[in-house]
Amino acid sequence: MKKFILVTLITLGFSFHVNATEHGYDFRWQQIPVVCGTSNEVAKYLDDEGFEVVNVSVGREGSNPEGAPVYFVAYYINEAGDQSIAAITSPSGNETCMMYRSFDLTSSKEEV
């Protein structure tokens, strides 16, 4: 499964790079640390740490709004509202990778 995720991310990275280059952006991939586990194990960690999902979205093939779904993204915020975690889940739903856990979160939107 790890090889599948790696191949998918590399393929998406290539697709994203091609699209970015076509639109005149000078993007490049960097070494980004991620932590992966079964989706159940990641959900347990998020629950234990007091995080709740606030946004979900779909990653699509070739960074194209009409592309086929290739991964799912969830954005979590802790109960205090000062930490966040972004996670990507494989299409099968069996594996999730947390891209980061950040601190000192502030919102750019006013509560309505």
C-alpha atoms as a PDB file:
ATOM      1  CA  MET A   1       0.000   0.000   0.000  1.00  0.00           C
ATOM      2  CA  LYS A   2       2.878   2.364   0.750  1.00  0.00           C
ATOM      3  CA  LYS A   3       4.220   1.800  -2.758  1.00  0.00           C
ATOM      4  CA  PHE A   4       0.775   2.582  -4.175  1.00  0.00           C
ATOM      5  CA  ILE A   5       0.594   5.875  -2.247  1.00  0.00           C
ATOM      6  CA  LEU A   6       4.153   6.772  -3.240  1.00  0.00           C
ATOM      7  CA  VAL A   7       3.504   6.024  -6.910  1.00  0.00           C
ATOM      8  CA  THR A   8       0.218   7.947  -6.767  1.00  0.00           C
ATOM      9  CA  LEU A   9       1.861  10.978  -5.145  1.00  0.00           C
ATOM     10  CA  ILE A  10       4.744  10.910  -7.628  1.00  0.00           C
ATOM     11  CA  THR A  11       2.291  10.644 -10.527  1.00  0.00           C
ATOM     12  CA  LEU A  12       0.224  13.467  -9.113  1.00  0.00           C
ATOM     13  CA  GLY A  13       3.370  15.459  -8.508  1.00  0.00           C
ATOM     14  CA  PHE A  14       4.375  15.043 -12.125  1.00  0.00           C
ATOM     15  CA  SER A  15       0.873  15.994 -13.245  1.00  0.00           C
ATOM     16  CA  PHE A  16       0.866  18.992 -10.942  1.00  0.00           C
ATOM     17  CA  HIS A  17       4.313  20.065 -12.137  1.00  0.00           C
ATOM     18  CA  VAL A  18       3.232  19.802 -15.761  1.00  0.00           C
ATOM     19  CA  ASN A  19       0.068  21.824 -15.090  1.00  0.00           C
ATOM     20  CA  ALA A  20       1.963  24.422 -13.062  1.00  0.00           C
ATOM     21  CA  THR A  21       4.598  24.784 -15.772  1.00  0.00           C
ATOM     22  CA  GLU A  22       1.920  25.098 -18.444  1.00  0.00           C
ATOM     23  CA  HIS A  23       0.411  27.990 -16.499  1.00  0.00           C
ATOM     24  CA  GLY A  24       3.744  29.771 -16.001  1.00  0.00           C
ATOM     25  CA  TYR A  25       4.504  28.907 -12.357  1.00  0.00           C
ATOM     26  CA  ASP A  26       7.993  27.941 -11.231  1.00  0.00           C
ATOM     27  CA  PHE A  27       7.036  25.230  -8.705  1.00  0.00           C
ATOM     28  CA  ARG A  28       9.245  22.340  -7.616  1.00  0.00           C
ATOM     29  CA  TRP A  29       8.766  19.433  -5.231  1.00  0.00           C
ATOM     30  CA  GLN A  30      10.544  19.433  -1.878  1.00  0.00           C
ATOM     31  CA  GLN A  31      11.251  16.839   0.784  1.00  0.00           C
ATOM     32  CA  ILE A  32       8.141  16.942   2.973  1.00  0.00           C
ATOM     33  CA  PRO A  33       7.873  14.733   6.053  1.00  0.00           C
ATOM     34  CA  VAL A  34       4.595  12.874   6.407  1.00  0.00           C
ATOM     35  CA  VAL A  35       3.414  10.283   8.905  1.00  0.00           C
ATOM     36  CA  CYS A  36       1.235   7.483   7.521  1.00  0.00           C
ATOM     37  CA  GLY A  37      -0.784   4.682   9.027  1.00  0.00           C
ATOM     38  CA  THR A  38      -3.995   2.801   8.587  1.00  0.00           C
ATOM     39  CA  SER A  39      -6.950   5.154   8.440  1.00  0.00           C
ATOM     40  CA  ASN A  40      -8.286   3.616  11.663  1.00  0.00           C
ATOM     41  CA  GLU A  41      -5.001   4.225  13.479  1.00  0.00           C
ATOM     42  CA  VAL A  42      -4.783   7.838  12.280  1.00  0.00           C
ATOM     43  CA  ALA A  43      -8.437   8.397  13.303  1.00  0.00           C
ATOM     44  CA  LYS A  44      -7.604   7.037  16.768  1.00  0.00           C
ATOM     45  CA  TYR A  45      -4.649   9.444  17.065  1.00  0.00           C
ATOM     46  CA  LEU A  46      -6.759  12.412  15.946  1.00  0.00           C
ATOM     47  CA  ASP A  47      -9.476  11.502  18.450  1.00  0.00           C
ATOM     48  CA  ASP A  48      -6.977  10.945  21.281  1.00  0.00           C
ATOM     49  CA  GLU A  49      -5.376  14.333  20.553  1.00  0.00           C
ATOM     50  CA  GLY A  50      -8.752  16.125  20.458  1.00  0.00           C
ATOM     51  CA  PHE A  51      -8.938  16.968  16.743  1.00  0.00           C
ATOM     52  CA  GLU A  52     -12.159  17.284  14.747  1.00  0.00           C
ATOM     53  CA  VAL A  53     -12.548  17.438  10.988  1.00  0.00           C
ATOM     54  CA  VAL A  54     -13.589  20.894   9.723  1.00  0.00           C
ATOM     55  CA  ASN A  55     -13.079  20.604   5.941  1.00  0.00           C
ATOM     56  CA  VAL A  56     -12.906  17.807   3.396  1.00  0.00           C
ATOM     57  CA  SER A  57     -12.088  17.919  -0.300  1.00  0.00           C
ATOM     58  CA  VAL A  58     -11.154  15.672  -3.208  1.00  0.00           C
ATOM     59  CA  GLY A  59      -7.804  15.618  -5.008  1.00  0.00           C
ATOM     60  CA  ARG A  60      -8.363  15.045  -8.694  1.00  0.00           C
ATOM     61  CA  GLU A  61      -6.143  13.606 -11.404  1.00  0.00           C
ATOM     62  CA  GLY A  62      -3.875  16.156 -13.073  1.00  0.00           C
ATOM     63  CA  SER A  63      -4.988  18.913 -10.663  1.00  0.00           C
ATOM     64  CA  ASN A  64      -7.989  19.243 -12.966  1.00  0.00           C
ATOM     65  CA  PRO A  65     -11.460  19.978 -11.519  1.00  0.00           C
ATOM     66  CA  GLU A  66     -12.889  17.478 -14.009  1.00  0.00           C
ATOM     67  CA  GLY A  67     -10.274  14.775 -13.290  1.00  0.00           C
ATOM     68  CA  ALA A  68     -11.022  11.476 -11.618  1.00  0.00           C
ATOM     69  CA  PRO A  69     -10.771  11.452  -7.780  1.00  0.00           C
ATOM     70  CA  VAL A  70      -7.349  10.159  -6.732  1.00  0.00           C
ATOM     71  CA  TYR A  71      -7.146  11.073  -3.023  1.00  0.00           C
ATOM     72  CA  PHE A  72      -9.148  12.720  -0.258  1.00  0.00           C
ATOM     73  CA  VAL A  73      -8.003  15.617   1.932  1.00  0.00           C
ATOM     74  CA  ALA A  74      -9.266  16.390   5.430  1.00  0.00           C
ATOM     75  CA  TYR A  75      -8.339  19.385   7.561  1.00  0.00           C
ATOM     76  CA  TYR A  76      -8.598  18.999  11.323  1.00  0.00           C
ATOM     77  CA  ILE A  77      -8.533  21.544  14.145  1.00  0.00           C
ATOM     78  CA  ASN A  78      -8.128  20.747  17.820  1.00  0.00           C
ATOM     79  CA  GLU A  79     -10.744  21.622  20.461  1.00  0.00           C
ATOM     80  CA  ALA A  80      -8.856  24.757  21.551  1.00  0.00           C
ATOM     81  CA  GLY A  81      -8.711  25.955  17.941  1.00  0.00           C
ATOM     82  CA  ASP A  82      -4.971  26.645  18.003  1.00  0.00           C
ATOM     83  CA  GLN A  83      -3.601  23.566  16.205  1.00  0.00           C
ATOM     84  CA  SER A  84      -4.305  21.973  12.831  1.00  0.00           C
ATOM     85  CA  ILE A  85      -3.532  18.792  10.930  1.00  0.00           C
ATOM     86  CA  ALA A  86      -3.936  18.180   7.196  1.00  0.00           C
ATOM     87  CA  ALA A  87      -4.349  14.560   6.119  1.00  0.00           C
ATOM     88  CA  ILE A  88      -4.550  12.756   2.793  1.00  0.00           C
ATOM     89  CA  THR A  89      -6.388   9.455   2.454  1.00  0.00           C
ATOM     90  CA  SER A  90      -5.867   6.925  -0.313  1.00  0.00           C
ATOM     91  CA  PRO A  91      -8.749   6.191  -2.703  1.00  0.00           C
ATOM     92  CA  SER A  92      -9.291   2.838  -1.003  1.00  0.00           C
ATOM     93  CA  GLY A  93      -9.695   4.602   2.343  1.00  0.00           C
ATOM     94  CA  ASN A  94      -7.304   2.151   3.986  1.00  0.00           C
ATOM     95  CA  GLU A  95      -4.302   4.434   4.536  1.00  0.00           C
ATOM     96  CA  THR A  96      -4.046   8.044   5.687  1.00  0.00           C
ATOM     97  CA  CYS A  97      -1.001  10.297   5.811  1.00  0.00           C
ATOM     98  CA  MET A  98      -0.813  13.336   8.060  1.00  0.00           C
ATOM     99  CA  MET A  99       1.105  16.011   6.175  1.00  0.00           C
ATOM    100  CA  TYR A 100       1.679  18.282   9.152  1.00  0.00           C
ATOM    101  CA  ARG A 101       0.590  19.306  12.620  1.00  0.00           C
ATOM    102  CA  SER A 102       0.859  23.038  13.071  1.00  0.00           C
ATOM    103  CA  PHE A 103       0.553  25.248  16.137  1.00  0.00           C
ATOM    104  CA  ASP A 104      -0.467  28.868  16.939  1.00  0.00           C
ATOM    105  CA  LEU A 105      -3.353  28.682  14.471  1.00  0.00           C
ATOM    106  CA  THR A 106      -5.187  31.911  13.705  1.00  0.00           C
ATOM    107  CA  SER A 107      -8.187  32.325  11.450  1.00  0.00           C
ATOM    108  CA  SER A 108      -8.425  34.871   8.653  1.00  0.00           C
ATOM    109  CA  LYS A 109     -12.226  34.705   8.723  1.00  0.00           C
ATOM    110  CA  GLU A 110     -14.500  36.208  11.329  1.00  0.00           C
ATOM    111  CA  GLU A 111     -17.034  33.917  12.975  1.00  0.00           C
ATOM    112  CA  VAL A 112     -20.539  34.584  11.665  1.00  0.00           C
END
